[in-house]
Structure formats: C-alpha cells, structure tokens
Amino acid sequence: MKANMAGTKIMDALKSAFEILSTSDREGRVFLLTDGEVSESVDAVVKSRKANWRVHSFGMGSEFDENLVKSIAKYGRGFCSEVKELADGQLSKAVVRALGFAL
C-alpha cells in the first residue's frame, strides 16, 4: 500500500488491516492515526470487524475529523485519543498509553 498525499483515505487501509487479521483466530488490534478530514464513511467497515478485533483511533493536529475518530473507536470497541498539540512528545505519550490499554 502506498501513501496518497492528496487526501486522507482510510477505507482501503482498514480493509487491508482486516484482511491481514482475518488469517488468524487471535485477537486483533488496529491502530488508526489520522490528521485530516475524511470524506469516506468508515462506520460500516469498522462495524464489520470480527468480535475479537478492536480498532483504536488517534486524531492528530488541529484539522482531524473529531467525530470520525470518536465513531471509529466506538464502533471498533476501542478507544479514542486526540492529540491536538504535537509538540513535547504528546503523540508518543498518547501512543504508549494506548498500547498499554490495548494489552
């Protein structure tokens, strides 16, 4: 998968993550980071995940879609982290905290 700097494309990334997870019966965790607006509706994809998978979301910076990040965490039975200030290692702290919760 290649990055597309023209916009935030979450749908294909989620589908790819779920496809990789589908090869195992183990619990799965997806960590989704976004810093932009998303025009795609991803709720249906997140809801389609297996019961033992969780999707955790991170909104970064000042322009991410707050409703989307919260919705992904809600339907993915994960948690949502919002990191509006990227200075002083705030993102690193949020990711470490999230990994701890995911265990």
Protein backbone atom coordinates (compact mmCIF):
# COMPACT_ATOMS: atom_id res chain seq x y z
CA MET A 1 0.00 0.00 0.00
CA LYS A 2 1.34 3.44 -0.89
CA ALA A 3 0.56 6.75 0.79
CA ASN A 4 -1.56 9.19 -1.17
CA MET A 5 -0.75 12.73 -0.09
CA ALA A 6 -3.81 14.12 -1.90
CA GLY A 7 -6.18 13.30 0.95
CA THR A 8 -7.00 11.04 3.83
CA LYS A 9 -8.03 7.60 2.55
CA ILE A 10 -8.96 5.42 5.49
CA MET A 11 -11.30 2.87 3.92
CA ASP A 12 -8.63 0.94 1.99
CA ALA A 13 -6.29 0.93 4.98
CA LEU A 14 -8.97 -0.52 7.27
CA LYS A 15 -9.95 -3.15 4.71
CA SER A 16 -6.29 -4.16 4.32
CA ALA A 17 -5.81 -4.38 8.09
CA PHE A 18 -8.93 -6.53 8.47
CA GLU A 19 -7.82 -8.77 5.59
CA ILE A 20 -4.46 -9.36 7.30
CA LEU A 21 -6.16 -10.05 10.64
CA SER A 22 -8.61 -12.48 9.04
CA THR A 23 -5.80 -15.01 8.56
CA SER A 24 -5.64 -15.57 12.34
CA ASP A 25 -8.09 -16.56 15.06
CA ARG A 26 -6.22 -14.47 17.61
CA GLU A 27 -7.45 -11.18 18.98
CA GLY A 28 -6.65 -8.33 16.66
CA ARG A 29 -5.85 -4.70 17.31
CA VAL A 30 -5.86 -1.95 14.70
CA PHE A 31 -4.40 1.46 15.49
CA LEU A 32 -5.59 4.13 13.10
CA LEU A 33 -3.90 7.55 13.04
CA THR A 34 -5.31 10.44 11.04
CA ASP A 35 -4.59 14.12 10.76
CA GLY A 36 -7.20 15.18 8.23
CA GLU A 37 -10.78 15.30 7.12
CA VAL A 38 -12.20 12.10 5.67
CA SER A 39 -14.88 12.05 3.01
CA GLU A 40 -15.44 8.28 3.23
CA SER A 41 -17.93 6.69 5.61
CA VAL A 42 -15.95 4.08 7.50
CA ASP A 43 -18.54 3.13 10.15
CA ALA A 44 -19.84 0.15 8.15
CA VAL A 45 -16.32 -1.21 7.65
CA VAL A 46 -15.47 -0.84 11.34
CA LYS A 47 -18.77 -2.48 12.35
CA SER A 48 -17.98 -5.43 10.06
CA ARG A 49 -14.88 -6.41 12.06
CA LYS A 50 -14.81 -9.69 13.97
CA ALA A 51 -15.92 -9.56 17.59
CA ASN A 52 -12.40 -10.22 18.88
CA TRP A 53 -10.85 -7.32 16.97
CA ARG A 54 -10.62 -3.79 18.32
CA VAL A 55 -9.98 -0.58 16.44
CA HIS A 56 -8.31 2.27 18.30
CA SER A 57 -8.13 5.73 16.77
CA PHE A 58 -5.87 8.75 17.08
CA GLY A 59 -6.66 12.23 15.80
CA MET A 60 -3.54 14.34 15.38
CA GLY A 61 -3.07 18.06 14.91
CA SER A 62 -5.76 20.68 14.58
CA GLU A 63 -7.61 19.56 11.45
CA PHE A 64 -8.64 15.96 12.07
CA ASP A 65 -12.28 14.87 11.93
CA GLU A 66 -13.15 14.59 15.63
CA ASN A 67 -16.50 12.87 15.02
CA LEU A 68 -14.85 10.26 12.81
CA VAL A 69 -12.12 9.46 15.34
CA LYS A 70 -14.69 9.04 18.11
CA SER A 71 -17.01 6.97 15.89
CA ILE A 72 -14.22 4.58 14.85
CA ALA A 73 -13.32 3.96 18.50
CA LYS A 74 -16.96 3.50 19.47
CA TYR A 75 -17.84 1.01 16.75
CA GLY A 76 -14.44 -0.65 16.96
CA ARG A 77 -14.80 -1.19 20.73
CA GLY A 78 -11.51 0.62 21.13
CA PHE A 79 -10.53 3.97 22.49
CA CYS A 80 -10.01 7.38 21.02
CA SER A 81 -7.02 9.65 21.58
CA GLU A 82 -6.92 13.25 20.45
CA VAL A 83 -3.50 14.87 20.19
CA LYS A 84 -4.09 18.45 19.12
CA GLU A 85 -0.65 19.71 20.14
CA LEU A 86 2.11 17.67 18.54
CA ALA A 87 4.92 19.34 20.50
CA ASP A 88 6.75 17.92 23.51
CA GLY A 89 6.22 14.28 22.57
CA GLN A 90 2.45 14.38 23.05
CA LEU A 91 1.84 11.90 20.24
CA SER A 92 4.42 9.48 21.63
CA LYS A 93 2.81 9.67 25.07
CA ALA A 94 -0.66 9.03 23.61
CA VAL A 95 0.56 6.04 21.60
CA VAL A 96 2.35 4.49 24.59
CA ARG A 97 -0.76 5.00 26.73
CA ALA A 98 -2.93 3.44 24.01
CA LEU A 99 -0.68 0.41 23.69
CA GLY A 100 -0.91 -0.10 27.43
CA PHE A 101 -4.71 -0.04 27.31
CA ALA A 102 -4.74 -2.46 24.38
CA LEU A 103 -2.98 -5.25 26.25
